[in-house]
């Protein structure tokens, strides 16, 4: 069994915030993979289901971001799991919008949700870092993360959430590289080659055949040119 935790703040007031992208990721996974209904448990909301061969519990703490560790610690204790079985989805200021990275262990880098989890569990858990970009100055961070995604963000945000859901089973099986490939197929799909370009390139490199002169024009050719034309035909 695994626990996938998304970080965010509860309530409609915060639903569209950048800080809530972790909640958004779990909602998308639950919807796309047929997970059960959300229910209150562990000071949060949980939904059960399967990703590939793995049974997974999705957990959205409702303790508010700064106390997320209370909910995560309670879930780990109840299921007798360790942080080896935990993956946390969270917003990442140090990544450009639309970028996704996977990391295991390390510090909390000032993220209050991660800071709280560190206080209630071992820090060596897997994190899915969902880039939201940085506002440019530390004094603007609080208002930025608690602000809603702009309309201009919706396309890349949808691609990221779809990609996370596409690769969720790979992530559950421990294949973080394949998970990131699934995300990349949504956020940066390969360009399709066009048949017209290849045909044009082929025509430019293929030599044109030399045709014999039309009938009646041979008389104007020199003996040497008539001999060459005879061999070409």
Protein backbone atom coordinates (compact mmCIF):
# COMPACT_ATOMS: atom_id res chain seq x y z
CA UNK A 1 0.00 0.00 0.00
CA UNK A 2 1.10 3.54 -0.79
CA UNK A 3 -0.02 6.98 0.33
CA UNK A 4 -0.12 9.82 -2.19
CA UNK A 5 -0.53 13.12 -0.34
CA UNK A 6 -1.36 16.40 -2.02
CA UNK A 7 -0.71 19.64 -0.17
CA UNK A 8 -3.07 22.59 -0.09
CA UNK A 9 -5.59 24.48 2.00
CA UNK A 10 -9.22 23.33 2.46
CA UNK A 11 -12.27 25.24 1.32
CA UNK A 12 -13.53 27.01 -1.79
CA UNK A 13 -11.64 30.19 -0.86
CA UNK A 14 -8.34 28.46 -1.60
CA UNK A 15 -9.41 25.96 -4.27
CA UNK A 16 -7.83 27.82 -7.21
CA UNK A 17 -4.66 28.94 -5.39
CA UNK A 18 -1.20 28.11 -6.68
CA UNK A 19 -0.52 26.65 -3.24
CA UNK A 20 -3.27 24.07 -3.93
CA UNK A 21 -1.77 22.44 -7.01
CA UNK A 22 -1.07 19.34 -4.89
CA UNK A 23 -4.79 18.99 -4.16
CA UNK A 24 -5.52 19.49 -7.86
CA UNK A 25 -3.14 16.70 -8.85
CA UNK A 26 -4.83 14.22 -6.50
CA UNK A 27 -8.31 15.24 -7.67
CA UNK A 28 -7.27 14.53 -11.25
CA UNK A 29 -5.79 11.13 -10.38
CA UNK A 30 -8.90 10.16 -8.42
CA UNK A 31 -11.21 11.18 -11.27
CA UNK A 32 -9.23 9.57 -14.10
CA UNK A 33 -8.47 6.28 -12.34
CA UNK A 34 -11.86 5.52 -10.81
CA UNK A 35 -10.99 6.01 -7.15
CA UNK A 36 -13.69 5.85 -4.50
CA UNK A 37 -15.52 8.87 -3.09
CA UNK A 38 -13.65 11.24 -0.82
CA UNK A 39 -14.36 10.77 2.88
CA UNK A 40 -13.17 12.40 6.10
CA UNK A 41 -10.30 10.61 7.84
CA UNK A 42 -6.90 11.38 9.41
CA UNK A 43 -7.74 15.08 9.73
CA UNK A 44 -8.10 15.13 5.99
CA UNK A 45 -9.96 13.65 3.04
CA UNK A 46 -9.06 10.25 1.65
CA UNK A 47 -9.94 8.28 -1.47
CA UNK A 48 -8.94 4.66 -2.12
CA UNK A 49 -8.12 2.97 -5.40
CA UNK A 50 -5.51 1.16 -7.46
CA UNK A 51 -2.77 2.38 -9.74
CA UNK A 52 -1.48 -0.57 -11.72
CA UNK A 53 -0.87 -3.36 -9.21
CA UNK A 54 -0.57 -1.00 -6.24
CA UNK A 55 -3.30 -0.12 -3.77
CA UNK A 56 -3.06 3.62 -3.15
CA UNK A 57 -4.64 5.93 -0.59
CA UNK A 58 -4.97 9.52 -1.75
CA UNK A 59 -4.79 11.97 1.17
CA UNK A 60 -5.61 15.69 1.20
CA UNK A 61 -4.94 17.14 4.68
CA UNK A 62 -7.62 19.56 5.87
CA UNK A 63 -5.49 20.93 8.70
CA UNK A 64 -4.36 23.85 6.53
CA UNK A 65 -0.93 23.83 4.94
CA UNK A 66 1.13 24.66 8.03
CA UNK A 67 -0.13 21.56 9.90
CA UNK A 68 -0.17 19.05 7.04
CA UNK A 69 2.16 16.74 8.96
CA UNK A 70 -0.50 15.96 11.55
CA UNK A 71 -2.68 14.34 8.90
CA UNK A 72 0.20 12.59 7.15
CA UNK A 73 1.61 11.24 10.42
CA UNK A 74 -1.80 9.89 11.45
CA UNK A 75 -2.25 8.07 8.12
CA UNK A 76 1.23 6.52 8.21
CA UNK A 77 0.66 5.33 11.78
CA UNK A 78 -2.77 3.85 11.06
CA UNK A 79 -1.58 1.82 8.06
CA UNK A 80 1.77 0.98 9.72
CA UNK A 81 3.64 2.46 6.77
CA UNK A 82 6.92 4.35 6.57
CA UNK A 83 7.98 7.33 4.51
CA UNK A 84 9.25 4.82 1.92
CA UNK A 85 5.55 4.38 1.09
CA UNK A 86 4.79 8.12 0.96
CA UNK A 87 4.74 10.47 -2.03
CA UNK A 88 3.92 14.15 -1.54
CA UNK A 89 2.69 16.40 -4.38
CA UNK A 90 3.39 20.08 -3.73
CA UNK A 91 3.88 23.47 -5.35
CA UNK A 92 7.48 24.44 -6.10
CA UNK A 93 8.57 28.08 -6.37
CA UNK A 94 12.03 27.15 -7.64
CA UNK A 95 10.69 25.49 -10.79
CA UNK A 96 9.26 27.34 -13.78
CA UNK A 97 5.51 27.00 -14.37
CA UNK A 98 4.75 23.66 -16.01
CA UNK A 99 7.98 21.97 -14.93
CA UNK A 100 7.73 18.78 -12.87
CA UNK A 101 10.50 17.02 -10.98
CA UNK A 102 10.69 14.02 -8.65
CA UNK A 103 12.95 14.04 -5.61
CA UNK A 104 13.46 11.81 -2.58
CA UNK A 105 14.58 13.28 0.72
CA UNK A 106 16.22 16.63 1.34
CA UNK A 107 15.17 19.77 3.13
CA UNK A 108 11.85 21.60 3.06
CA UNK A 109 13.29 24.79 1.45
CA UNK A 110 10.93 26.94 3.51
CA UNK A 111 7.76 25.20 2.30
CA UNK A 112 5.51 25.14 5.37
CA UNK A 113 3.66 22.00 4.34
CA UNK A 114 6.88 20.05 3.96
CA UNK A 115 8.22 21.61 7.17
CA UNK A 116 5.21 20.21 9.05
CA UNK A 117 5.63 16.74 7.52
CA UNK A 118 9.30 16.76 8.56
CA UNK A 119 8.18 17.45 12.12
CA UNK A 120 5.85 14.41 12.17
CA UNK A 121 7.72 11.89 9.99
CA UNK A 122 11.11 11.03 8.56
CA UNK A 123 12.08 13.47 5.77
CA UNK A 124 13.16 10.70 3.37
CA UNK A 125 9.91 10.55 1.41
CA UNK A 126 9.35 11.04 -2.31
CA UNK A 127 8.18 14.45 -3.51
CA UNK A 128 6.61 15.43 -6.81
CA UNK A 129 7.60 19.06 -7.25
CA UNK A 130 5.06 20.94 -9.36
CA UNK A 131 6.56 24.17 -10.67
CA UNK A 132 4.57 27.38 -10.26
CA UNK A 133 7.40 29.89 -10.77
CA UNK A 134 8.60 32.62 -8.42
CA UNK A 135 7.13 36.13 -8.10
CA UNK A 136 10.62 37.63 -8.13
CA UNK A 137 11.00 38.78 -4.53
CA UNK A 138 10.61 36.93 -1.24
CA UNK A 139 8.27 39.62 0.13
CA UNK A 140 5.75 38.75 -2.59
CA UNK A 141 5.80 34.97 -2.08
CA UNK A 142 2.89 34.72 0.39
CA UNK A 143 0.47 36.69 -1.78
CA UNK A 144 1.65 34.85 -4.87
CA UNK A 145 1.14 31.29 -3.62
CA UNK A 146 -2.20 32.22 -2.05
CA UNK A 147 -3.34 33.82 -5.29
CA UNK A 148 -5.32 31.95 -7.93
CA UNK A 149 -3.78 30.69 -11.15
CA UNK A 150 -4.34 33.25 -13.89
CA UNK A 151 -6.39 32.50 -16.99
CA UNK A 152 -3.17 32.49 -18.98
CA UNK A 153 -1.94 29.59 -16.81
CA UNK A 154 -4.86 27.29 -17.49
CA UNK A 155 -3.46 25.56 -20.59
CA UNK A 156 -0.13 24.53 -19.10
CA UNK A 157 -1.79 23.72 -15.76
CA UNK A 158 -4.23 21.36 -17.46
CA UNK A 159 -1.37 19.71 -19.36
CA UNK A 160 0.58 19.17 -16.13
CA UNK A 161 -2.39 17.67 -14.28
CA UNK A 162 -3.23 15.38 -17.21
CA UNK A 163 0.39 14.29 -17.43
CA UNK A 164 0.61 13.57 -13.70
CA UNK A 165 -2.52 11.44 -13.98
CA UNK A 166 -1.23 9.68 -17.11
CA UNK A 167 1.96 8.65 -15.32
CA UNK A 168 0.48 7.95 -11.89
CA UNK A 169 0.65 4.15 -12.25
CA UNK A 170 4.33 4.39 -13.26
CA UNK A 171 5.03 6.54 -10.22
CA UNK A 172 3.29 4.01 -7.97
CA UNK A 173 5.44 1.22 -9.40
CA UNK A 174 8.64 3.15 -8.65
CA UNK A 175 9.31 4.17 -12.26
CA UNK A 176 9.82 7.90 -11.74
CA UNK A 177 11.55 8.27 -15.13
CA UNK A 178 8.56 6.83 -16.96
CA UNK A 179 6.28 9.05 -14.88
CA UNK A 180 8.20 12.14 -15.99
CA UNK A 181 8.08 10.93 -19.60
CA UNK A 182 4.29 10.74 -19.36
CA UNK A 183 4.20 14.31 -18.05
CA UNK A 184 6.52 15.48 -20.83
CA UNK A 185 4.26 13.95 -23.50
CA UNK A 186 1.55 16.34 -22.29
CA UNK A 187 3.64 19.43 -21.57
CA UNK A 188 6.14 19.17 -24.42
CA UNK A 189 4.85 16.71 -27.04
CA UNK A 190 7.23 15.85 -29.90
CA UNK A 191 6.64 17.72 -33.13
CA UNK A 192 5.11 15.64 -35.91
CA UNK A 193 7.10 15.63 -39.16
CA UNK A 194 5.16 16.68 -42.26
CA UNK A 195 5.08 14.55 -45.38
CA UNK A 196 5.26 17.62 -47.63
CA UNK A 197 8.66 18.62 -46.25
CA UNK A 198 10.13 15.16 -46.72
CA UNK A 199 8.79 14.93 -50.26
CA UNK A 200 10.19 18.34 -51.08
CA UNK A 201 13.59 17.43 -49.65
CA UNK A 202 13.59 14.21 -51.68
CA UNK A 203 12.74 16.02 -54.90
CA UNK A 204 15.55 18.51 -54.30
CA UNK A 205 18.16 15.78 -53.88
CA UNK A 206 16.99 13.42 -56.64
CA UNK A 207 18.64 14.20 -60.01
CA UNK A 208 16.28 14.93 -62.87
CA UNK A 209 16.48 12.51 -65.81
CA UNK A 210 17.94 13.84 -69.05
CA UNK A 211 15.44 13.28 -71.86
CA UNK A 212 16.30 12.90 -75.55
CA UNK A 213 15.40 15.87 -77.77
CA UNK A 214 11.94 15.89 -79.31
CA UNK A 215 11.55 14.40 -82.75
CA UNK A 216 12.54 16.82 -85.52
CA UNK A 217 15.14 18.65 -83.43
CA UNK A 218 17.92 16.11 -83.95
CA UNK A 219 18.96 17.73 -87.24
CA UNK A 220 20.11 20.86 -85.37
CA UNK A 221 22.44 18.81 -83.17
CA UNK A 222 26.06 18.15 -83.89
CA UNK A 223 27.16 14.54 -84.63
CA UNK A 224 28.56 14.26 -81.08
CA UNK A 225 25.31 15.54 -79.49
CA UNK A 226 23.23 13.13 -81.66
CA UNK A 227 25.44 10.23 -80.50
CA UNK A 228 24.97 11.25 -76.83
CA UNK A 229 21.22 11.55 -77.28
CA UNK A 230 21.12 8.07 -78.84
CA UNK A 231 22.78 6.50 -75.77
CA UNK A 232 20.51 8.43 -73.37
CA UNK A 233 17.42 7.03 -75.05
